């Protein structure tokens, strides 16, 4: 059974941070989606991993510690249980 987890990456040039939704597999691996939650960053862009494979509550706490550098649209996903209000 897979479990949803989160990865936070910071773009090397701009410092912008974006969350990626990932699946934690039975083998304890993380498989990320190609695009960040907001769609503005690709997983293959030059970036630094801030945290990886974190469950929702842990991701919320860590994003709060980082602060305003994290994309607001990505962070809002953690608080609205994945509901996209723009649709």
C-alpha atoms as a PDB file:
ATOM      1  CA  UNK A   1       0.000   0.000   0.000  1.00  0.00           C
ATOM      2  CA  UNK A   2       1.332   3.453  -0.878  1.00  0.00           C
ATOM      3  CA  UNK A   3       1.165   6.575   1.275  1.00  0.00           C
ATOM      4  CA  UNK A   4       1.132  10.242   0.206  1.00  0.00           C
ATOM      5  CA  UNK A   5       4.165  12.195   1.405  1.00  0.00           C
ATOM      6  CA  UNK A   6       5.799  15.507   0.513  1.00  0.00           C
ATOM      7  CA  UNK A   7       9.153  16.741  -0.782  1.00  0.00           C
ATOM      8  CA  UNK A   8      10.296  20.362  -0.465  1.00  0.00           C
ATOM      9  CA  UNK A   9      12.866  21.609  -2.976  1.00  0.00           C
ATOM     10  CA  UNK A  10      14.554  25.001  -3.342  1.00  0.00           C
ATOM     11  CA  UNK A  11      15.472  26.297  -6.793  1.00  0.00           C
ATOM     12  CA  UNK A  12      19.239  26.869  -6.868  1.00  0.00           C
ATOM     13  CA  UNK A  13      19.093  30.218  -8.705  1.00  0.00           C
ATOM     14  CA  UNK A  14      16.043  31.940  -7.246  1.00  0.00           C
ATOM     15  CA  UNK A  15      15.751  30.225  -3.865  1.00  0.00           C
ATOM     16  CA  UNK A  16      12.020  29.696  -4.479  1.00  0.00           C
ATOM     17  CA  UNK A  17      10.769  26.628  -2.620  1.00  0.00           C
ATOM     18  CA  UNK A  18       8.055  24.323  -3.889  1.00  0.00           C
ATOM     19  CA  UNK A  19       6.327  21.217  -2.561  1.00  0.00           C
ATOM     20  CA  UNK A  20       6.038  18.030  -4.548  1.00  0.00           C
ATOM     21  CA  UNK A  21       3.482  15.355  -3.834  1.00  0.00           C
ATOM     22  CA  UNK A  22       5.050  11.902  -3.702  1.00  0.00           C
ATOM     23  CA  UNK A  23       4.102   8.333  -2.923  1.00  0.00           C
ATOM     24  CA  UNK A  24       5.931   6.312  -0.318  1.00  0.00           C
ATOM     25  CA  UNK A  25       6.054   2.733  -1.544  1.00  0.00           C
ATOM     26  CA  UNK A  26       6.190  -0.530   0.356  1.00  0.00           C
ATOM     27  CA  UNK A  27       9.935  -0.533  -0.311  1.00  0.00           C
ATOM     28  CA  UNK A  28      10.185   2.747   1.682  1.00  0.00           C
ATOM     29  CA  UNK A  29      11.040   4.742  -1.435  1.00  0.00           C
ATOM     30  CA  UNK A  30       9.620   8.118  -2.479  1.00  0.00           C
ATOM     31  CA  UNK A  31       8.267   8.565  -5.987  1.00  0.00           C
ATOM     32  CA  UNK A  32       7.647  12.221  -6.736  1.00  0.00           C
ATOM     33  CA  UNK A  33       5.309  13.753  -9.258  1.00  0.00           C
ATOM     34  CA  UNK A  34       7.119  15.531 -12.102  1.00  0.00           C
ATOM     35  CA  UNK A  35       5.707  18.980 -11.296  1.00  0.00           C
ATOM     36  CA  UNK A  36       5.356  20.791  -7.981  1.00  0.00           C
ATOM     37  CA  UNK A  37       1.876  21.113  -6.498  1.00  0.00           C
ATOM     38  CA  UNK A  38       1.511  24.603  -8.006  1.00  0.00           C
ATOM     39  CA  UNK A  39       2.968  23.459 -11.343  1.00  0.00           C
ATOM     40  CA  UNK A  40       5.715  26.115 -11.422  1.00  0.00           C
ATOM     41  CA  UNK A  41       8.713  23.845 -10.777  1.00  0.00           C
ATOM     42  CA  UNK A  42       9.855  20.630 -12.414  1.00  0.00           C
ATOM     43  CA  UNK A  43      11.495  17.945 -10.257  1.00  0.00           C
ATOM     44  CA  UNK A  44      14.438  17.863 -12.667  1.00  0.00           C
ATOM     45  CA  UNK A  45      15.270  21.591 -12.363  1.00  0.00           C
ATOM     46  CA  UNK A  46      18.490  22.512 -10.579  1.00  0.00           C
ATOM     47  CA  UNK A  47      17.370  22.447  -6.967  1.00  0.00           C
ATOM     48  CA  UNK A  48      18.281  21.421  -3.461  1.00  0.00           C
ATOM     49  CA  UNK A  49      16.119  19.055  -1.413  1.00  0.00           C
ATOM     50  CA  UNK A  50      15.107  20.672   1.889  1.00  0.00           C
ATOM     51  CA  UNK A  51      13.151  17.641   3.100  1.00  0.00           C
ATOM     52  CA  UNK A  52      11.913  14.438   1.553  1.00  0.00           C
ATOM     53  CA  UNK A  53       9.263  11.777   2.185  1.00  0.00           C
ATOM     54  CA  UNK A  54       7.516  13.704   4.964  1.00  0.00           C
ATOM     55  CA  UNK A  55       3.902  13.008   5.952  1.00  0.00           C
ATOM     56  CA  UNK A  56       1.433  15.903   5.888  1.00  0.00           C
ATOM     57  CA  UNK A  57       1.752  17.029   9.533  1.00  0.00           C
ATOM     58  CA  UNK A  58       5.538  16.996   9.444  1.00  0.00           C
ATOM     59  CA  UNK A  59       5.544  18.855   6.107  1.00  0.00           C
ATOM     60  CA  UNK A  60       3.267  21.546   7.602  1.00  0.00           C
ATOM     61  CA  UNK A  61       5.572  22.059  10.575  1.00  0.00           C
ATOM     62  CA  UNK A  62       8.716  22.184   8.480  1.00  0.00           C
ATOM     63  CA  UNK A  63       7.201  24.612   5.954  1.00  0.00           C
ATOM     64  CA  UNK A  64       6.120  26.856   8.843  1.00  0.00           C
ATOM     65  CA  UNK A  65       9.718  26.917  10.105  1.00  0.00           C
ATOM     66  CA  UNK A  66      11.025  27.851   6.648  1.00  0.00           C
ATOM     67  CA  UNK A  67       8.452  30.624   6.283  1.00  0.00           C
ATOM     68  CA  UNK A  68       7.641  32.865   3.331  1.00  0.00           C
ATOM     69  CA  UNK A  69      10.205  31.332   0.962  1.00  0.00           C
ATOM     70  CA  UNK A  70       7.821  28.393   0.395  1.00  0.00           C
ATOM     71  CA  UNK A  71       5.326  28.897  -2.427  1.00  0.00           C
ATOM     72  CA  UNK A  72       1.996  29.901  -0.884  1.00  0.00           C
ATOM     73  CA  UNK A  73      -0.033  27.859  -3.366  1.00  0.00           C
ATOM     74  CA  UNK A  74       2.002  24.745  -2.556  1.00  0.00           C
ATOM     75  CA  UNK A  75       1.618  25.288   1.204  1.00  0.00           C
ATOM     76  CA  UNK A  76      -2.118  25.956   0.958  1.00  0.00           C
ATOM     77  CA  UNK A  77      -2.523  22.422  -0.404  1.00  0.00           C
ATOM     78  CA  UNK A  78      -1.397  21.097   2.997  1.00  0.00           C
ATOM     79  CA  UNK A  79      -4.197  22.995   4.740  1.00  0.00           C
ATOM     80  CA  UNK A  80      -7.123  22.382   2.406  1.00  0.00           C
ATOM     81  CA  UNK A  81      -6.667  18.607   2.234  1.00  0.00           C
ATOM     82  CA  UNK A  82      -5.815  18.669  -1.451  1.00  0.00           C
ATOM     83  CA  UNK A  83      -8.978  20.442  -2.575  1.00  0.00           C
ATOM     84  CA  UNK A  84      -8.263  22.669  -5.566  1.00  0.00           C
ATOM     85  CA  UNK A  85     -10.631  25.628  -5.198  1.00  0.00           C
ATOM     86  CA  UNK A  86      -9.768  27.012  -8.635  1.00  0.00           C
ATOM     87  CA  UNK A  87     -11.628  24.260 -10.478  1.00  0.00           C
END
